[in-house]
Amino acid sequence: MTPELAIELGKQALTVAVLLAGPILLSALITGLLIGLFQAATQINEQTLSFVPKLGVMALVLFIMTPWMHTILTDFTRQLYRGIPGFIG
């Protein structure tokens, strides 16, 4: 395996990781921002008010996005398995 190939595989793995984590983290960010605005407007400073909705939205996004995430991960894994002969030589 050449160093260029190892770097390319690492780049692809990081891209897949960002694609998989992105929707969940983005939904948590947006939810946290909206709840923060609500808390600032109403001056309610309850920690569970921000935690519970974020957890619920993240679970909902994970439930909705699971088929797409599965496809991305399966395609990447198949690409790795197909490339094994090239990695050895």
N, C-alpha and C. Protein backbone atom coordinates (compact mmCIF):
# COMPACT_ATOMS: atom_id res chain seq x y z
N MET A 1 0.85 -1.17 0.00
CA MET A 1 0.00 0.00 0.00
C MET A 1 0.89 1.23 0.00
N THR A 2 0.64 2.11 -0.93
CA THR A 2 1.44 3.32 -1.04
C THR A 2 0.91 4.38 -0.05
N PRO A 3 1.76 5.31 0.29
CA PRO A 3 1.30 6.38 1.20
C PRO A 3 0.15 7.20 0.60
N GLU A 4 0.17 7.39 -0.71
CA GLU A 4 -0.92 8.13 -1.36
C GLU A 4 -2.25 7.41 -1.21
N LEU A 5 -2.21 6.09 -1.35
CA LEU A 5 -3.43 5.29 -1.20
C LEU A 5 -3.95 5.33 0.24
N ALA A 6 -3.02 5.27 1.19
CA ALA A 6 -3.42 5.33 2.60
C ALA A 6 -4.05 6.69 2.92
N ILE A 7 -3.49 7.75 2.37
CA ILE A 7 -4.05 9.09 2.58
C ILE A 7 -5.43 9.19 1.94
N GLU A 8 -5.58 8.65 0.75
CA GLU A 8 -6.88 8.69 0.08
C GLU A 8 -7.93 7.89 0.85
N LEU A 9 -7.56 6.73 1.37
CA LEU A 9 -8.49 5.94 2.18
C LEU A 9 -8.88 6.68 3.46
N GLY A 10 -7.91 7.32 4.08
CA GLY A 10 -8.20 8.12 5.28
C GLY A 10 -9.12 9.28 4.96
N LYS A 11 -8.91 9.92 3.83
CA LYS A 11 -9.77 11.03 3.41
C LYS A 11 -11.19 10.54 3.17
N GLN A 12 -11.33 9.41 2.51
CA GLN A 12 -12.66 8.85 2.27
C GLN A 12 -13.35 8.45 3.57
N ALA A 13 -12.59 7.87 4.49
CA ALA A 13 -13.16 7.47 5.78
C ALA A 13 -13.64 8.68 6.57
N LEU A 14 -12.86 9.76 6.56
CA LEU A 14 -13.28 10.98 7.25
C LEU A 14 -14.51 11.60 6.59
N THR A 15 -14.58 11.53 5.26
CA THR A 15 -15.74 12.04 4.55
C THR A 15 -16.99 11.27 4.94
N VAL A 16 -16.87 9.95 5.00
CA VAL A 16 -18.01 9.12 5.40
C VAL A 16 -18.41 9.42 6.84
N ALA A 17 -17.43 9.61 7.71
CA ALA A 17 -17.74 9.92 9.11
C ALA A 17 -18.48 11.25 9.24
N VAL A 18 -18.06 12.25 8.47
CA VAL A 18 -18.74 13.54 8.49
C VAL A 18 -20.15 13.42 7.93
N LEU A 19 -20.31 12.65 6.86
CA LEU A 19 -21.63 12.45 6.28
C LEU A 19 -22.57 11.76 7.27
N LEU A 20 -22.06 10.81 8.01
CA LEU A 20 -22.90 10.08 8.96
C LEU A 20 -23.23 10.91 10.20
N ALA A 21 -22.27 11.66 10.69
CA ALA A 21 -22.49 12.43 11.92
C ALA A 21 -23.14 13.78 11.66
N GLY A 22 -23.00 14.29 10.44
CA GLY A 22 -23.48 15.63 10.12
C GLY A 22 -24.95 15.89 10.41
N PRO A 23 -25.86 15.06 9.90
CA PRO A 23 -27.28 15.36 10.13
C PRO A 23 -27.67 15.36 11.61
N ILE A 24 -27.10 14.46 12.38
CA ILE A 24 -27.43 14.39 13.80
C ILE A 24 -26.88 15.61 14.54
N LEU A 25 -25.63 15.96 14.26
CA LEU A 25 -25.04 17.11 14.93
C LEU A 25 -25.69 18.41 14.49
N LEU A 26 -26.04 18.52 13.23
CA LEU A 26 -26.69 19.72 12.74
C LEU A 26 -28.07 19.90 13.37
N SER A 27 -28.80 18.81 13.51
CA SER A 27 -30.11 18.91 14.15
C SER A 27 -29.97 19.30 15.62
N ALA A 28 -28.96 18.78 16.30
CA ALA A 28 -28.73 19.16 17.71
C ALA A 28 -28.35 20.64 17.81
N LEU A 29 -27.55 21.11 16.86
CA LEU A 29 -27.15 22.51 16.86
C LEU A 29 -28.34 23.43 16.65
N ILE A 30 -29.17 23.12 15.68
CA ILE A 30 -30.33 23.96 15.38
C ILE A 30 -31.32 23.92 16.56
N THR A 31 -31.56 22.74 17.09
CA THR A 31 -32.47 22.62 18.23
C THR A 31 -31.94 23.40 19.44
N GLY A 32 -30.66 23.27 19.72
CA GLY A 32 -30.06 24.00 20.83
C GLY A 32 -30.14 25.50 20.64
N LEU A 33 -29.95 25.96 19.41
CA LEU A 33 -30.05 27.38 19.13
C LEU A 33 -31.47 27.89 19.34
N LEU A 34 -32.45 27.16 18.84
CA LEU A 34 -33.84 27.57 19.02
C LEU A 34 -34.26 27.57 20.49
N ILE A 35 -33.83 26.56 21.21
CA ILE A 35 -34.17 26.49 22.63
C ILE A 35 -33.44 27.58 23.41
N GLY A 36 -32.21 27.87 23.02
CA GLY A 36 -31.47 28.95 23.65
C GLY A 36 -32.14 30.30 23.44
N LEU A 37 -32.64 30.53 22.22
CA LEU A 37 -33.38 31.77 21.96
C LEU A 37 -34.65 31.83 22.80
N PHE A 38 -35.34 30.70 22.90
CA PHE A 38 -36.55 30.64 23.72
C PHE A 38 -36.23 30.91 25.19
N GLN A 39 -35.16 30.31 25.68
CA GLN A 39 -34.79 30.52 27.08
C GLN A 39 -34.36 31.96 27.34
N ALA A 40 -33.69 32.57 26.37
CA ALA A 40 -33.28 33.96 26.54
C ALA A 40 -34.49 34.89 26.52
N ALA A 41 -35.46 34.56 25.68
CA ALA A 41 -36.65 35.42 25.58
C ALA A 41 -37.54 35.30 26.82
N THR A 42 -37.62 34.10 27.37
CA THR A 42 -38.51 33.89 28.52
C THR A 42 -37.77 33.91 29.85
N GLN A 43 -36.47 33.98 29.83
CA GLN A 43 -35.61 33.96 31.02
C GLN A 43 -35.82 32.71 31.87
N ILE A 44 -36.08 31.60 31.19
CA ILE A 44 -36.17 30.31 31.88
C ILE A 44 -34.80 29.65 31.75
N ASN A 45 -34.16 29.35 32.86
CA ASN A 45 -32.83 28.75 32.84
C ASN A 45 -32.86 27.34 33.41
N GLU A 46 -33.58 26.48 32.78
CA GLU A 46 -33.69 25.09 33.21
C GLU A 46 -32.85 24.22 32.26
N GLN A 47 -31.93 23.44 32.81
CA GLN A 47 -31.04 22.64 31.99
C GLN A 47 -31.77 21.54 31.22
N THR A 48 -32.76 20.94 31.85
CA THR A 48 -33.46 19.85 31.18
C THR A 48 -34.29 20.36 30.00
N LEU A 49 -34.63 21.65 30.01
CA LEU A 49 -35.38 22.22 28.90
C LEU A 49 -34.57 22.20 27.61
N SER A 50 -33.26 22.26 27.72
CA SER A 50 -32.44 22.19 26.50
C SER A 50 -32.02 20.76 26.18
N PHE A 51 -31.85 19.93 27.19
CA PHE A 51 -31.34 18.58 26.97
C PHE A 51 -32.38 17.63 26.37
N VAL A 52 -33.56 17.61 26.94
CA VAL A 52 -34.59 16.64 26.53
C VAL A 52 -35.04 16.86 25.08
N PRO A 53 -35.35 18.09 24.65
CA PRO A 53 -35.74 18.26 23.25
C PRO A 53 -34.61 17.92 22.27
N LYS A 54 -33.37 18.27 22.62
CA LYS A 54 -32.25 17.93 21.74
C LYS A 54 -32.14 16.42 21.60
N LEU A 55 -32.28 15.71 22.69
CA LEU A 55 -32.22 14.25 22.65
C LEU A 55 -33.33 13.68 21.78
N GLY A 56 -34.53 14.23 21.93
CA GLY A 56 -35.66 13.77 21.12
C GLY A 56 -35.48 14.04 19.64
N VAL A 57 -35.01 15.24 19.31
CA VAL A 57 -34.79 15.58 17.90
C VAL A 57 -33.68 14.73 17.31
N MET A 58 -32.62 14.50 18.06
CA MET A 58 -31.53 13.66 17.56
C MET A 58 -32.01 12.23 17.33
N ALA A 59 -32.84 11.71 18.22
CA ALA A 59 -33.38 10.36 18.02
C ALA A 59 -34.28 10.31 16.80
N LEU A 60 -35.08 11.34 16.60
CA LEU A 60 -35.97 11.39 15.43
C LEU A 60 -35.17 11.47 14.13
N VAL A 61 -34.14 12.31 14.11
CA VAL A 61 -33.30 12.42 12.92
C VAL A 61 -32.58 11.11 12.66
N LEU A 62 -32.09 10.47 13.70
CA LEU A 62 -31.43 9.18 13.53
C LEU A 62 -32.40 8.14 12.97
N PHE A 63 -33.62 8.14 13.46
CA PHE A 63 -34.63 7.20 12.98
C PHE A 63 -34.95 7.45 11.50
N ILE A 64 -35.08 8.72 11.12
CA ILE A 64 -35.41 9.06 9.74
C ILE A 64 -34.23 8.82 8.80
N MET A 65 -33.02 9.13 9.24
CA MET A 65 -31.86 9.07 8.36
C MET A 65 -31.16 7.71 8.33
N THR A 66 -31.59 6.76 9.13
CA THR A 66 -30.91 5.46 9.19
C THR A 66 -30.80 4.76 7.85
N PRO A 67 -31.84 4.71 7.01
CA PRO A 67 -31.66 4.03 5.71
C PRO A 67 -30.58 4.69 4.85
N TRP A 68 -30.55 6.02 4.83
CA TRP A 68 -29.53 6.72 4.05
C TRP A 68 -28.14 6.47 4.62
N MET A 69 -28.02 6.51 5.94
CA MET A 69 -26.73 6.25 6.58
C MET A 69 -26.26 4.83 6.31
N HIS A 70 -27.18 3.90 6.34
CA HIS A 70 -26.85 2.50 6.05
C HIS A 70 -26.33 2.36 4.63
N THR A 71 -26.95 3.04 3.68
CA THR A 71 -26.51 2.99 2.29
C THR A 71 -25.11 3.56 2.13
N ILE A 72 -24.84 4.69 2.76
CA ILE A 72 -23.51 5.32 2.68
C ILE A 72 -22.45 4.38 3.25
N LEU A 73 -22.71 3.82 4.41
CA LEU A 73 -21.74 2.94 5.06
C LEU A 73 -21.55 1.64 4.29
N THR A 74 -22.62 1.09 3.75
CA THR A 74 -22.51 -0.14 2.97
C THR A 74 -21.72 0.09 1.69
N ASP A 75 -21.98 1.21 1.00
CA ASP A 75 -21.23 1.51 -0.22
C ASP A 75 -19.75 1.68 0.06
N PHE A 76 -19.42 2.35 1.15
CA PHE A 76 -18.01 2.54 1.51
C PHE A 76 -17.35 1.20 1.83
N THR A 77 -18.04 0.35 2.56
CA THR A 77 -17.49 -0.95 2.92
C THR A 77 -17.29 -1.82 1.69
N ARG A 78 -18.26 -1.81 0.77
CA ARG A 78 -18.10 -2.57 -0.47
C ARG A 78 -16.93 -2.06 -1.29
N GLN A 79 -16.76 -0.74 -1.32
CA GLN A 79 -15.62 -0.16 -2.05
C GLN A 79 -14.31 -0.62 -1.43
N LEU A 80 -14.25 -0.69 -0.11
CA LEU A 80 -13.03 -1.16 0.55
C LEU A 80 -12.75 -2.63 0.22
N TYR A 81 -13.80 -3.47 0.26
CA TYR A 81 -13.61 -4.88 -0.03
C TYR A 81 -13.18 -5.10 -1.48
N ARG A 82 -13.74 -4.32 -2.40
CA ARG A 82 -13.35 -4.45 -3.81
C ARG A 82 -11.91 -4.00 -4.03
N GLY A 83 -11.43 -3.10 -3.21
CA GLY A 83 -10.08 -2.57 -3.38
C GLY A 83 -8.99 -3.38 -2.72
N ILE A 84 -9.34 -4.44 -2.00
CA ILE A 84 -8.34 -5.23 -1.27
C ILE A 84 -7.23 -5.74 -2.19
N PRO A 85 -7.53 -6.29 -3.37
CA PRO A 85 -6.41 -6.73 -4.23
C PRO A 85 -5.45 -5.60 -4.60
N GLY A 86 -5.97 -4.42 -4.80
CA GLY A 86 -5.10 -3.28 -5.11
C GLY A 86 -4.30 -2.81 -3.91
N PHE A 87 -4.83 -3.02 -2.71
CA PHE A 87 -4.11 -2.60 -1.51
C PHE A 87 -2.88 -3.49 -1.27
N ILE A 88 -3.02 -4.76 -1.62
CA ILE A 88 -1.94 -5.72 -1.36
C ILE A 88 -0.79 -5.54 -2.36
N GLY A 89 -1.16 -5.36 -3.60
CA GLY A 89 -0.15 -5.28 -4.66
C GLY A 89 0.51 -4.00 -4.71
